[in-house]
């Protein structure tokens, strides 16, 4: 890495700090001009591609997941910290699956499980948008079926 002041390659680390999000910040000093500068290091994770319902593939997007949860939780007693916790939990889970591609349905099911634990209204809102229903009766039947299958279904917590 080059010094931003003189472009010299030799420098020394004065201080290292680990941030809450896992990022590492280092304060450095150039051995040539004695200029000081900071660098940030962060672990790059290989997040999987998401296979959408229509067959398209797109990179996993934490912000998109977060926006979906925020919409479902609008005007509900759910904090931003709780939403970010769910996003982080699902993101880590997708990485732990150790797959290059994950179907969006699998992520949707995992998210619905988390929302169901967090807030019933947010769960219903998300489920109503996530799935496509022809009428209210079909929607109610699907929710009842989900409730009955919860004890039988393997949760994303059980996955590697």
Foldseek 3Di string as FASTA:
>chain_A
DADPPPGDDDKDWDDWDQDPVRKIKTWIAHPPPRDIDMDIDDDDALFAWEQEPVRDTHGDDLVVQLVLLCVLCPPHPDDSVLSVVLSVVLRVLRRVLVDNYDYVVLSLQQVLVSCVVVDVSSSLVSQPVVDDDPDPVRSVVVVVVCVVCVVVDDHSVNHD
